[in-house]
Amino acid sequence: MSDKNDLSDCPSEQLLHELSKRYRCYVFVGCQPKGKDSSDMTFCTTGHIHECIGLAEMAKQMISLGGPES
């Protein structure tokens, strides 16, 4: 029996579309390694360009500081 909240079979495009309904602005960047020399990159933004750039800059700072896992 499959859990209806299991998102492992949900296509990335559908997940990103659902996020766009929940958030006025977001930036998503993901990488799925495919092999030694290639990877599958996904990039998506929703919102005004200045908001997205601001979010990207904030994320950059958060990553540099170690993020919530530190």
PDB file of N, CA and C in Angstrom:
ATOM      1  N   MET A   1       0.844  -1.180   0.000  1.00  0.00           N
ATOM      2  CA  MET A   1       0.000   0.000   0.000  1.00  0.00           C
ATOM      3  C   MET A   1       0.887   1.240   0.000  1.00  0.00           C
ATOM      4  N   SER A   2       0.595   2.183  -0.857  1.00  0.00           N
ATOM      5  CA  SER A   2       1.395   3.395  -1.009  1.00  0.00           C
ATOM      6  C   SER A   2       0.863   4.515  -0.114  1.00  0.00           C
ATOM      7  N   ASP A   3       1.767   5.202   0.546  1.00  0.00           N
ATOM      8  CA  ASP A   3       1.408   6.351   1.364  1.00  0.00           C
ATOM      9  C   ASP A   3       1.067   7.516   0.447  1.00  0.00           C
ATOM     10  N   LYS A   4      -0.094   8.134   0.620  1.00  0.00           N
ATOM     11  CA  LYS A   4      -0.501   9.223  -0.273  1.00  0.00           C
ATOM     12  C   LYS A   4       0.387  10.460  -0.136  1.00  0.00           C
ATOM     13  N   ASN A   5       1.175  10.533   0.938  1.00  0.00           N
ATOM     14  CA  ASN A   5       2.098  11.659   1.119  1.00  0.00           C
ATOM     15  C   ASN A   5       3.495  11.364   0.585  1.00  0.00           C
ATOM     16  N   ASP A   6       3.707  10.168   0.053  1.00  0.00           N
ATOM     17  CA  ASP A   6       5.006   9.804  -0.510  1.00  0.00           C
ATOM     18  C   ASP A   6       5.210  10.563  -1.814  1.00  0.00           C
ATOM     19  N   LEU A   7       6.285  11.349  -1.877  1.00  0.00           N
ATOM     20  CA  LEU A   7       6.540  12.176  -3.052  1.00  0.00           C
ATOM     21  C   LEU A   7       7.617  11.599  -3.964  1.00  0.00           C
ATOM     22  N   SER A   8       8.101  10.405  -3.672  1.00  0.00           N
ATOM     23  CA  SER A   8       9.206   9.853  -4.449  1.00  0.00           C
ATOM     24  C   SER A   8       8.839   9.603  -5.909  1.00  0.00           C
ATOM     25  N   ASP A   9       7.589   9.351  -6.210  1.00  0.00           N
ATOM     26  CA  ASP A   9       7.172   9.111  -7.592  1.00  0.00           C
ATOM     27  C   ASP A   9       6.620  10.363  -8.269  1.00  0.00           C
ATOM     28  N   CYS A  10       6.610  11.468  -7.561  1.00  0.00           N
ATOM     29  CA  CYS A  10       6.062  12.716  -8.106  1.00  0.00           C
ATOM     30  C   CYS A  10       7.119  13.393  -8.986  1.00  0.00           C
ATOM     31  N   PRO A  11       6.784  13.730 -10.233  1.00  0.00           N
ATOM     32  CA  PRO A  11       7.758  14.399 -11.101  1.00  0.00           C
ATOM     33  C   PRO A  11       8.184  15.757 -10.532  1.00  0.00           C
ATOM     34  N   SER A  12       9.441  16.108 -10.748  1.00  0.00           N
ATOM     35  CA  SER A  12       9.980  17.375 -10.240  1.00  0.00           C
ATOM     36  C   SER A  12       9.150  18.563 -10.703  1.00  0.00           C
ATOM     37  N   GLU A  13       8.737  18.545 -11.964  1.00  0.00           N
ATOM     38  CA  GLU A  13       7.953  19.662 -12.502  1.00  0.00           C
ATOM     39  C   GLU A  13       6.659  19.859 -11.712  1.00  0.00           C
ATOM     40  N   GLN A  14       6.026  18.762 -11.314  1.00  0.00           N
ATOM     41  CA  GLN A  14       4.788  18.846 -10.539  1.00  0.00           C
ATOM     42  C   GLN A  14       5.060  19.393  -9.135  1.00  0.00           C
ATOM     43  N   LEU A  15       6.157  18.947  -8.521  1.00  0.00           N
ATOM     44  CA  LEU A  15       6.528  19.462  -7.195  1.00  0.00           C
ATOM     45  C   LEU A  15       6.765  20.966  -7.248  1.00  0.00           C
ATOM     46  N   LEU A  16       7.505  21.421  -8.252  1.00  0.00           N
ATOM     47  CA  LEU A  16       7.797  22.842  -8.377  1.00  0.00           C
ATOM     48  C   LEU A  16       6.523  23.644  -8.653  1.00  0.00           C
ATOM     49  N   HIS A  17       5.622  23.082  -9.425  1.00  0.00           N
ATOM     50  CA  HIS A  17       4.344  23.758  -9.690  1.00  0.00           C
ATOM     51  C   HIS A  17       3.545  23.921  -8.395  1.00  0.00           C
ATOM     52  N   GLU A  18       3.537  22.898  -7.564  1.00  0.00           N
ATOM     53  CA  GLU A  18       2.828  22.981  -6.287  1.00  0.00           C
ATOM     54  C   GLU A  18       3.469  24.018  -5.368  1.00  0.00           C
ATOM     55  N   LEU A  19       4.804  24.100  -5.365  1.00  0.00           N
ATOM     56  CA  LEU A  19       5.480  25.121  -4.569  1.00  0.00           C
ATOM     57  C   LEU A  19       5.093  26.526  -5.017  1.00  0.00           C
ATOM     58  N   SER A  20       4.920  26.696  -6.319  1.00  0.00           N
ATOM     59  CA  SER A  20       4.558  28.024  -6.828  1.00  0.00           C
ATOM     60  C   SER A  20       3.168  28.447  -6.363  1.00  0.00           C
ATOM     61  N   LYS A  21       2.330  27.492  -6.008  1.00  0.00           N
ATOM     62  CA  LYS A  21       1.008  27.822  -5.453  1.00  0.00           C
ATOM     63  C   LYS A  21       1.120  28.256  -3.987  1.00  0.00           C
ATOM     64  N   ARG A  22       2.134  27.733  -3.285  1.00  0.00           N
ATOM     65  CA  ARG A  22       2.292  27.980  -1.860  1.00  0.00           C
ATOM     66  C   ARG A  22       3.110  29.225  -1.553  1.00  0.00           C
ATOM     67  N   TYR A  23       4.117  29.509  -2.397  1.00  0.00           N
ATOM     68  CA  TYR A  23       5.032  30.626  -2.147  1.00  0.00           C
ATOM     69  C   TYR A  23       4.944  31.656  -3.263  1.00  0.00           C
ATOM     70  N   ARG A  24       4.930  32.905  -2.886  1.00  0.00           N
ATOM     71  CA  ARG A  24       4.899  33.991  -3.859  1.00  0.00           C
ATOM     72  C   ARG A  24       6.210  34.071  -4.624  1.00  0.00           C
ATOM     73  N   CYS A  25       7.289  33.714  -3.947  1.00  0.00           N
ATOM     74  CA  CYS A  25       8.616  33.792  -4.557  1.00  0.00           C
ATOM     75  C   CYS A  25       9.464  32.639  -4.034  1.00  0.00           C
ATOM     76  N   TYR A  26      10.163  31.958  -4.936  1.00  0.00           N
ATOM     77  CA  TYR A  26      11.123  30.956  -4.513  1.00  0.00           C
ATOM     78  C   TYR A  26      12.172  30.742  -5.592  1.00  0.00           C
ATOM     79  N   VAL A  27      13.295  30.177  -5.162  1.00  0.00           N
ATOM     80  CA  VAL A  27      14.390  29.813  -6.055  1.00  0.00           C
ATOM     81  C   VAL A  27      14.724  28.365  -5.739  1.00  0.00           C
ATOM     82  N   PHE A  28      14.773  27.539  -6.766  1.00  0.00           N
ATOM     83  CA  PHE A  28      15.137  26.134  -6.580  1.00  0.00           C
ATOM     84  C   PHE A  28      16.280  25.801  -7.523  1.00  0.00           C
ATOM     85  N   VAL A  29      17.308  25.174  -6.970  1.00  0.00           N
ATOM     86  CA  VAL A  29      18.415  24.662  -7.763  1.00  0.00           C
ATOM     87  C   VAL A  29      18.694  23.262  -7.239  1.00  0.00           C
ATOM     88  N   GLY A  30      18.707  22.297  -8.134  1.00  0.00           N
ATOM     89  CA  GLY A  30      18.985  20.929  -7.730  1.00  0.00           C
ATOM     90  C   GLY A  30      19.898  20.244  -8.726  1.00  0.00           C
ATOM     91  N   CYS A  31      20.642  19.280  -8.233  1.00  0.00           N
ATOM     92  CA  CYS A  31      21.565  18.535  -9.090  1.00  0.00           C
ATOM     93  C   CYS A  31      21.453  17.053  -8.753  1.00  0.00           C
ATOM     94  N   GLN A  32      21.254  16.256  -9.761  1.00  0.00           N
ATOM     95  CA  GLN A  32      21.200  14.809  -9.601  1.00  0.00           C
ATOM     96  C   GLN A  32      22.345  14.207 -10.408  1.00  0.00           C
ATOM     97  N   PRO A  33      23.397  13.726  -9.736  1.00  0.00           N
ATOM     98  CA  PRO A  33      24.521  13.139 -10.475  1.00  0.00           C
ATOM     99  C   PRO A  33      24.062  11.961 -11.329  1.00  0.00           C
ATOM    100  N   LYS A  34      24.491  11.943 -12.581  1.00  0.00           N
ATOM    101  CA  LYS A  34      24.132  10.852 -13.488  1.00  0.00           C
ATOM    102  C   LYS A  34      25.308   9.940 -13.773  1.00  0.00           C
ATOM    103  N   GLY A  35      26.485  10.480 -13.726  1.00  0.00           N
ATOM    104  CA  GLY A  35      27.665   9.672 -14.023  1.00  0.00           C
ATOM    105  C   GLY A  35      28.908  10.448 -13.667  1.00  0.00           C
ATOM    106  N   LYS A  36      30.023   9.935 -14.117  1.00  0.00           N
ATOM    107  CA  LYS A  36      31.302  10.537 -13.778  1.00  0.00           C
ATOM    108  C   LYS A  36      31.444  11.946 -14.339  1.00  0.00           C
ATOM    109  N   ASP A  37      30.940  12.172 -15.553  1.00  0.00           N
ATOM    110  CA  ASP A  37      31.160  13.444 -16.230  1.00  0.00           C
ATOM    111  C   ASP A  37      29.907  14.283 -16.456  1.00  0.00           C
ATOM    112  N   SER A  38      28.767  13.830 -15.998  1.00  0.00           N
ATOM    113  CA  SER A  38      27.556  14.606 -16.267  1.00  0.00           C
ATOM    114  C   SER A  38      26.620  14.566 -15.065  1.00  0.00           C
ATOM    115  N   SER A  39      25.706  15.520 -15.052  1.00  0.00           N
ATOM    116  CA  SER A  39      24.683  15.566 -14.007  1.00  0.00           C
ATOM    117  C   SER A  39      23.446  16.227 -14.590  1.00  0.00           C
ATOM    118  N   ASP A  40      22.343  16.023 -13.930  1.00  0.00           N
ATOM    119  CA  ASP A  40      21.072  16.602 -14.344  1.00  0.00           C
ATOM    120  C   ASP A  40      20.791  17.778 -13.418  1.00  0.00           C
ATOM    121  N   MET A  41      20.843  18.983 -13.962  1.00  0.00           N
ATOM    122  CA  MET A  41      20.591  20.195 -13.178  1.00  0.00           C
ATOM    123  C   MET A  41      19.153  20.662 -13.407  1.00  0.00           C
ATOM    124  N   THR A  42      18.503  21.059 -12.334  1.00  0.00           N
ATOM    125  CA  THR A  42      17.172  21.649 -12.410  1.00  0.00           C
ATOM    126  C   THR A  42      17.238  23.013 -11.760  1.00  0.00           C
ATOM    127  N   PHE A  43      16.698  24.000 -12.430  1.00  0.00           N
ATOM    128  CA  PHE A  43      16.687  25.375 -11.927  1.00  0.00           C
ATOM    129  C   PHE A  43      15.308  25.955 -12.199  1.00  0.00           C
ATOM    130  N   CYS A  44      14.737  26.581 -11.188  1.00  0.00           N
ATOM    131  CA  CYS A  44      13.405  27.165 -11.353  1.00  0.00           C
ATOM    132  C   CYS A  44      13.269  28.347 -10.401  1.00  0.00           C
ATOM    133  N   THR A  45      12.638  29.412 -10.881  1.00  0.00           N
ATOM    134  CA  THR A  45      12.322  30.545 -10.016  1.00  0.00           C
ATOM    135  C   THR A  45      10.866  30.916 -10.216  1.00  0.00           C
ATOM    136  N   THR A  46      10.283  31.444  -9.180  1.00  0.00           N
ATOM    137  CA  THR A  46       8.940  32.013  -9.241  1.00  0.00           C
ATOM    138  C   THR A  46       8.995  33.321  -8.485  1.00  0.00           C
ATOM    139  N   GLY A  47       8.472  34.352  -9.086  1.00  0.00           N
ATOM    140  CA  GLY A  47       8.456  35.657  -8.451  1.00  0.00           C
ATOM    141  C   GLY A  47       9.196  36.692  -9.270  1.00  0.00           C
ATOM    142  N   HIS A  48       9.201  37.900  -8.764  1.00  0.00           N
ATOM    143  CA  HIS A  48       9.857  39.020  -9.427  1.00  0.00           C
ATOM    144  C   HIS A  48      11.370  38.803  -9.398  1.00  0.00           C
ATOM    145  N   ILE A  49      12.056  39.211 -10.444  1.00  0.00           N
ATOM    146  CA  ILE A  49      13.499  38.979 -10.562  1.00  0.00           C
ATOM    147  C   ILE A  49      14.272  39.509  -9.359  1.00  0.00           C
ATOM    148  N   HIS A  50      13.892  40.669  -8.851  1.00  0.00           N
ATOM    149  CA  HIS A  50      14.625  41.235  -7.711  1.00  0.00           C
ATOM    150  C   HIS A  50      14.409  40.413  -6.436  1.00  0.00           C
ATOM    151  N   GLU A  51      13.221  39.875  -6.252  1.00  0.00           N
ATOM    152  CA  GLU A  51      12.966  39.011  -5.102  1.00  0.00           C
ATOM    153  C   GLU A  51      13.787  37.729  -5.199  1.00  0.00           C
ATOM    154  N   CYS A  52      13.837  37.159  -6.399  1.00  0.00           N
ATOM    155  CA  CYS A  52      14.586  35.913  -6.597  1.00  0.00           C
ATOM    156  C   CYS A  52      16.082  36.128  -6.376  1.00  0.00           C
ATOM    157  N   ILE A  53      16.608  37.236  -6.885  1.00  0.00           N
ATOM    158  CA  ILE A  53      18.025  37.543  -6.664  1.00  0.00           C
ATOM    159  C   ILE A  53      18.293  37.730  -5.174  1.00  0.00           C
ATOM    160  N   GLY A  54      17.387  38.415  -4.479  1.00  0.00           N
ATOM    161  CA  GLY A  54      17.529  38.593  -3.026  1.00  0.00           C
ATOM    162  C   GLY A  54      17.525  37.266  -2.293  1.00  0.00           C
ATOM    163  N   LEU A  55      16.610  36.362  -2.672  1.00  0.00           N
ATOM    164  CA  LEU A  55      16.576  35.038  -2.044  1.00  0.00           C
ATOM    165  C   LEU A  55      17.863  34.266  -2.321  1.00  0.00           C
ATOM    166  N   ALA A  56      18.355  34.339  -3.549  1.00  0.00           N
ATOM    167  CA  ALA A  56      19.585  33.639  -3.908  1.00  0.00           C
ATOM    168  C   ALA A  56      20.769  34.174  -3.098  1.00  0.00           C
ATOM    169  N   GLU A  57      20.818  35.487  -2.919  1.00  0.00           N
ATOM    170  CA  GLU A  57      21.899  36.085  -2.124  1.00  0.00           C
ATOM    171  C   GLU A  57      21.792  35.664  -0.656  1.00  0.00           C
ATOM    172  N   MET A  58      20.574  35.638  -0.123  1.00  0.00           N
ATOM    173  CA  MET A  58      20.385  35.185   1.257  1.00  0.00           C
ATOM    174  C   MET A  58      20.801  33.729   1.412  1.00  0.00           C
ATOM    175  N   ALA A  59      20.429  32.904   0.440  1.00  0.00           N
ATOM    176  CA  ALA A  59      20.805  31.489   0.488  1.00  0.00           C
ATOM    177  C   ALA A  59      22.317  31.334   0.433  1.00  0.00           C
ATOM    178  N   LYS A  60      22.967  32.126  -0.405  1.00  0.00           N
ATOM    179  CA  LYS A  60      24.430  32.093  -0.506  1.00  0.00           C
ATOM    180  C   LYS A  60      25.071  32.397   0.853  1.00  0.00           C
ATOM    181  N   GLN A  61      24.559  33.421   1.536  1.00  0.00           N
ATOM    182  CA  GLN A  61      25.085  33.782   2.854  1.00  0.00           C
ATOM    183  C   GLN A  61      24.831  32.671   3.862  1.00  0.00           C
ATOM    184  N   MET A  62      23.640  32.100   3.823  1.00  0.00           N
ATOM    185  CA  MET A  62      23.299  31.027   4.763  1.00  0.00           C
ATOM    186  C   MET A  62      24.192  29.807   4.550  1.00  0.00           C
ATOM    187  N   ILE A  63      24.456  29.483   3.297  1.00  0.00           N
ATOM    188  CA  ILE A  63      25.340  28.343   2.991  1.00  0.00           C
ATOM    189  C   ILE A  63      26.747  28.630   3.498  1.00  0.00           C
ATOM    190  N   SER A  64      27.219  29.849   3.285  1.00  0.00           N
ATOM    191  CA  SER A  64      28.563  30.235   3.733  1.00  0.00           C
ATOM    192  C   SER A  64      28.698  30.152   5.259  1.00  0.00           C
ATOM    193  N   LEU A  65      27.630  30.441   5.965  1.00  0.00           N
ATOM    194  CA  LEU A  65      27.645  30.396   7.421  1.00  0.00           C
ATOM    195  C   LEU A  65      27.468  28.992   7.973  1.00  0.00           C
ATOM    196  N   GLY A  66      27.148  28.054   7.103  1.00  0.00           N
ATOM    197  CA  GLY A  66      27.024  26.666   7.555  1.00  0.00           C
ATOM    198  C   GLY A  66      25.617  26.131   7.544  1.00  0.00           C
ATOM    199  N   GLY A  67      24.624  26.974   7.368  1.00  0.00           N
ATOM    200  CA  GLY A  67      23.250  26.510   7.286  1.00  0.00           C
ATOM    201  C   GLY A  67      22.722  25.991   8.606  1.00  0.00           C
ATOM    202  N   PRO A  68      21.490  25.533   8.607  1.00  0.00           N
ATOM    203  CA  PRO A  68      20.833  25.090   9.843  1.00  0.00           C
ATOM    204  C   PRO A  68      21.398  23.797  10.422  1.00  0.00           C
ATOM    205  N   GLU A  69      22.153  23.025   9.621  1.00  0.00           N
ATOM    206  CA  GLU A  69      22.674  21.754  10.127  1.00  0.00           C
ATOM    207  C   GLU A  69      23.848  21.938  11.072  1.00  0.00           C
ATOM    208  N   SER A  70      24.548  23.105  11.023  1.00  0.00           N
ATOM    209  CA  SER A  70      25.746  23.295  11.845  1.00  0.00           C
ATOM    210  C   SER A  70      25.397  23.472  13.302  1.00  0.00           C
TER     211      SER A  70
END
